[in-house]
């Protein structure tokens, strides 16, 4: 079984930065694509970024150039570096682990990011 534990959320002023961490507890971290999602109040959950085991990334247009996903396959940890934050980035952020064999996926507990204008 897998557990994901997120940290790093908080309150930041517009233009500031935060770094989210997703610690993966379980087996075969390298066989999972790691994703970052967010859900703003009253809105649907949306995909923010993905990162494959080899480090290939994809980003939503709204965060491209500002957010960077990374991972450490030795420490079993995924990161989301968020720069130039805007009030529109305010949301609960969730990490997700999706195995390459398309079996059970897993979700972190979510961490609140609030950007003040």
C-alpha atoms as a PDB file:
ATOM      1  CA  UNK A   1       0.000   0.000   0.000  1.00  0.00           C
ATOM      2  CA  UNK A   2       0.947   3.632  -0.531  1.00  0.00           C
ATOM      3  CA  UNK A   3       0.512   6.750   1.532  1.00  0.00           C
ATOM      4  CA  UNK A   4       1.204  10.295   0.342  1.00  0.00           C
ATOM      5  CA  UNK A   5       1.885  13.036   2.867  1.00  0.00           C
ATOM      6  CA  UNK A   6       1.901  16.637   1.682  1.00  0.00           C
ATOM      7  CA  UNK A   7       3.438  19.699   3.271  1.00  0.00           C
ATOM      8  CA  UNK A   8       4.503  23.218   2.393  1.00  0.00           C
ATOM      9  CA  UNK A   9       1.240  25.068   1.946  1.00  0.00           C
ATOM     10  CA  UNK A  10       0.536  28.373   3.587  1.00  0.00           C
ATOM     11  CA  UNK A  11      -0.229  32.042   3.144  1.00  0.00           C
ATOM     12  CA  UNK A  12       1.911  34.097   0.791  1.00  0.00           C
ATOM     13  CA  UNK A  13       1.658  37.507  -0.840  1.00  0.00           C
ATOM     14  CA  UNK A  14       1.196  37.837  -4.568  1.00  0.00           C
ATOM     15  CA  UNK A  15       4.524  37.517  -6.330  1.00  0.00           C
ATOM     16  CA  UNK A  16       5.877  35.249  -3.638  1.00  0.00           C
ATOM     17  CA  UNK A  17       6.921  31.615  -3.716  1.00  0.00           C
ATOM     18  CA  UNK A  18       6.086  28.340  -2.022  1.00  0.00           C
ATOM     19  CA  UNK A  19       7.465  24.841  -2.344  1.00  0.00           C
ATOM     20  CA  UNK A  20       5.126  21.903  -1.857  1.00  0.00           C
ATOM     21  CA  UNK A  21       6.452  18.506  -0.862  1.00  0.00           C
ATOM     22  CA  UNK A  22       4.827  15.105  -1.357  1.00  0.00           C
ATOM     23  CA  UNK A  23       6.451  12.270   0.556  1.00  0.00           C
ATOM     24  CA  UNK A  24       5.729   8.806  -0.864  1.00  0.00           C
ATOM     25  CA  UNK A  25       5.566   5.933   1.625  1.00  0.00           C
ATOM     26  CA  UNK A  26       5.419   2.556  -0.099  1.00  0.00           C
ATOM     27  CA  UNK A  27       7.087   0.430  -2.722  1.00  0.00           C
ATOM     28  CA  UNK A  28       8.349   1.229  -6.210  1.00  0.00           C
ATOM     29  CA  UNK A  29       8.087   5.016  -6.223  1.00  0.00           C
ATOM     30  CA  UNK A  30       9.936   5.055  -9.546  1.00  0.00           C
ATOM     31  CA  UNK A  31       7.040   3.204 -11.228  1.00  0.00           C
ATOM     32  CA  UNK A  32       4.572   6.025 -10.525  1.00  0.00           C
ATOM     33  CA  UNK A  33       3.826   9.150 -12.462  1.00  0.00           C
ATOM     34  CA  UNK A  34       3.433  11.927  -9.915  1.00  0.00           C
ATOM     35  CA  UNK A  35       0.789  14.558 -10.474  1.00  0.00           C
ATOM     36  CA  UNK A  36      -0.157  17.810  -8.822  1.00  0.00           C
ATOM     37  CA  UNK A  37      -3.765  18.948  -8.797  1.00  0.00           C
ATOM     38  CA  UNK A  38      -5.555  21.865  -7.251  1.00  0.00           C
ATOM     39  CA  UNK A  39      -9.126  22.681  -6.364  1.00  0.00           C
ATOM     40  CA  UNK A  40     -10.206  26.247  -5.805  1.00  0.00           C
ATOM     41  CA  UNK A  41     -13.285  27.021  -3.757  1.00  0.00           C
ATOM     42  CA  UNK A  42     -16.395  26.295  -5.786  1.00  0.00           C
ATOM     43  CA  UNK A  43     -14.472  24.869  -8.732  1.00  0.00           C
ATOM     44  CA  UNK A  44     -13.577  21.456 -10.105  1.00  0.00           C
ATOM     45  CA  UNK A  45     -10.259  19.847  -9.362  1.00  0.00           C
ATOM     46  CA  UNK A  46      -7.777  20.571 -12.130  1.00  0.00           C
ATOM     47  CA  UNK A  47      -4.461  19.103 -13.166  1.00  0.00           C
ATOM     48  CA  UNK A  48      -1.542  21.448 -12.565  1.00  0.00           C
ATOM     49  CA  UNK A  49       1.525  19.389 -13.449  1.00  0.00           C
ATOM     50  CA  UNK A  50       2.808  15.867 -13.961  1.00  0.00           C
ATOM     51  CA  UNK A  51       6.271  14.397 -13.778  1.00  0.00           C
ATOM     52  CA  UNK A  52       7.290  10.961 -14.995  1.00  0.00           C
ATOM     53  CA  UNK A  53       9.848   8.733 -13.350  1.00  0.00           C
ATOM     54  CA  UNK A  54      12.462   9.933 -15.815  1.00  0.00           C
ATOM     55  CA  UNK A  55      11.705  13.586 -15.115  1.00  0.00           C
ATOM     56  CA  UNK A  56       9.533  14.478 -18.083  1.00  0.00           C
ATOM     57  CA  UNK A  57       7.018  17.167 -17.141  1.00  0.00           C
ATOM     58  CA  UNK A  58       3.758  18.651 -18.346  1.00  0.00           C
ATOM     59  CA  UNK A  59       2.100  21.802 -17.048  1.00  0.00           C
ATOM     60  CA  UNK A  60      -1.222  23.509 -17.271  1.00  0.00           C
ATOM     61  CA  UNK A  61      -1.042  26.656 -19.369  1.00  0.00           C
ATOM     62  CA  UNK A  62      -2.045  28.742 -16.369  1.00  0.00           C
ATOM     63  CA  UNK A  63       1.126  27.825 -14.455  1.00  0.00           C
ATOM     64  CA  UNK A  64       3.631  27.262 -17.247  1.00  0.00           C
ATOM     65  CA  UNK A  65       6.788  29.255 -16.651  1.00  0.00           C
ATOM     66  CA  UNK A  66       5.970  29.827 -12.990  1.00  0.00           C
ATOM     67  CA  UNK A  67       5.677  26.332 -11.487  1.00  0.00           C
ATOM     68  CA  UNK A  68       8.253  23.565 -11.644  1.00  0.00           C
ATOM     69  CA  UNK A  69       7.634  19.924 -10.762  1.00  0.00           C
ATOM     70  CA  UNK A  70      10.542  17.757  -9.716  1.00  0.00           C
ATOM     71  CA  UNK A  71      11.169  14.463  -7.973  1.00  0.00           C
ATOM     72  CA  UNK A  72      13.858  12.602  -6.113  1.00  0.00           C
ATOM     73  CA  UNK A  73      13.618   8.873  -6.792  1.00  0.00           C
ATOM     74  CA  UNK A  74      16.115   8.115  -4.039  1.00  0.00           C
ATOM     75  CA  UNK A  75      14.289  10.061  -1.341  1.00  0.00           C
ATOM     76  CA  UNK A  76      10.862   9.020  -2.713  1.00  0.00           C
ATOM     77  CA  UNK A  77       9.659  12.599  -2.787  1.00  0.00           C
ATOM     78  CA  UNK A  78       7.942  14.862  -5.297  1.00  0.00           C
ATOM     79  CA  UNK A  79       8.029  18.646  -5.249  1.00  0.00           C
ATOM     80  CA  UNK A  80       6.165  21.548  -6.740  1.00  0.00           C
ATOM     81  CA  UNK A  81       8.043  24.834  -6.746  1.00  0.00           C
ATOM     82  CA  UNK A  82       5.600  27.706  -7.187  1.00  0.00           C
ATOM     83  CA  UNK A  83       6.959  31.133  -8.091  1.00  0.00           C
ATOM     84  CA  UNK A  84       5.338  34.430  -9.010  1.00  0.00           C
ATOM     85  CA  UNK A  85       2.188  33.367  -7.234  1.00  0.00           C
ATOM     86  CA  UNK A  86      -1.091  35.050  -8.068  1.00  0.00           C
ATOM     87  CA  UNK A  87      -4.342  35.257  -6.178  1.00  0.00           C
ATOM     88  CA  UNK A  88      -5.812  32.936  -8.815  1.00  0.00           C
ATOM     89  CA  UNK A  89      -3.464  30.202  -7.563  1.00  0.00           C
ATOM     90  CA  UNK A  90      -5.323  30.046  -4.262  1.00  0.00           C
ATOM     91  CA  UNK A  91      -6.571  26.474  -3.860  1.00  0.00           C
ATOM     92  CA  UNK A  92      -6.110  23.221  -2.033  1.00  0.00           C
ATOM     93  CA  UNK A  93      -3.259  21.386  -3.727  1.00  0.00           C
ATOM     94  CA  UNK A  94      -3.155  17.586  -3.929  1.00  0.00           C
ATOM     95  CA  UNK A  95      -0.438  15.235  -5.041  1.00  0.00           C
ATOM     96  CA  UNK A  96      -1.301  12.033  -6.881  1.00  0.00           C
ATOM     97  CA  UNK A  97       0.633   8.860  -7.627  1.00  0.00           C
ATOM     98  CA  UNK A  98      -0.417   6.881 -10.706  1.00  0.00           C
ATOM     99  CA  UNK A  99       1.331   3.562 -11.447  1.00  0.00           C
ATOM    100  CA  UNK A 100       2.545   2.729 -14.906  1.00  0.00           C
ATOM    101  CA  UNK A 101       0.587  -0.545 -14.791  1.00  0.00           C
ATOM    102  CA  UNK A 102      -2.619   1.518 -14.403  1.00  0.00           C
ATOM    103  CA  UNK A 103      -3.565  -0.115 -11.116  1.00  0.00           C
ATOM    104  CA  UNK A 104      -4.690   1.702  -7.962  1.00  0.00           C
ATOM    105  CA  UNK A 105      -3.712   5.355  -7.729  1.00  0.00           C
ATOM    106  CA  UNK A 106      -3.236   7.332  -4.534  1.00  0.00           C
ATOM    107  CA  UNK A 107      -3.890  10.848  -3.276  1.00  0.00           C
ATOM    108  CA  UNK A 108      -2.313  13.076  -0.685  1.00  0.00           C
ATOM    109  CA  UNK A 109      -4.408  14.749   1.975  1.00  0.00           C
ATOM    110  CA  UNK A 110      -4.206  18.186   0.387  1.00  0.00           C
ATOM    111  CA  UNK A 111      -2.521  21.364   1.518  1.00  0.00           C
ATOM    112  CA  UNK A 112      -4.006  24.852   1.415  1.00  0.00           C
ATOM    113  CA  UNK A 113      -2.236  27.550  -0.583  1.00  0.00           C
ATOM    114  CA  UNK A 114      -3.568  31.061  -0.116  1.00  0.00           C
ATOM    115  CA  UNK A 115      -2.179  33.985  -2.095  1.00  0.00           C
ATOM    116  CA  UNK A 116      -3.134  37.446  -0.902  1.00  0.00           C
ATOM    117  CA  UNK A 117      -3.444  40.301  -3.350  1.00  0.00           C
END
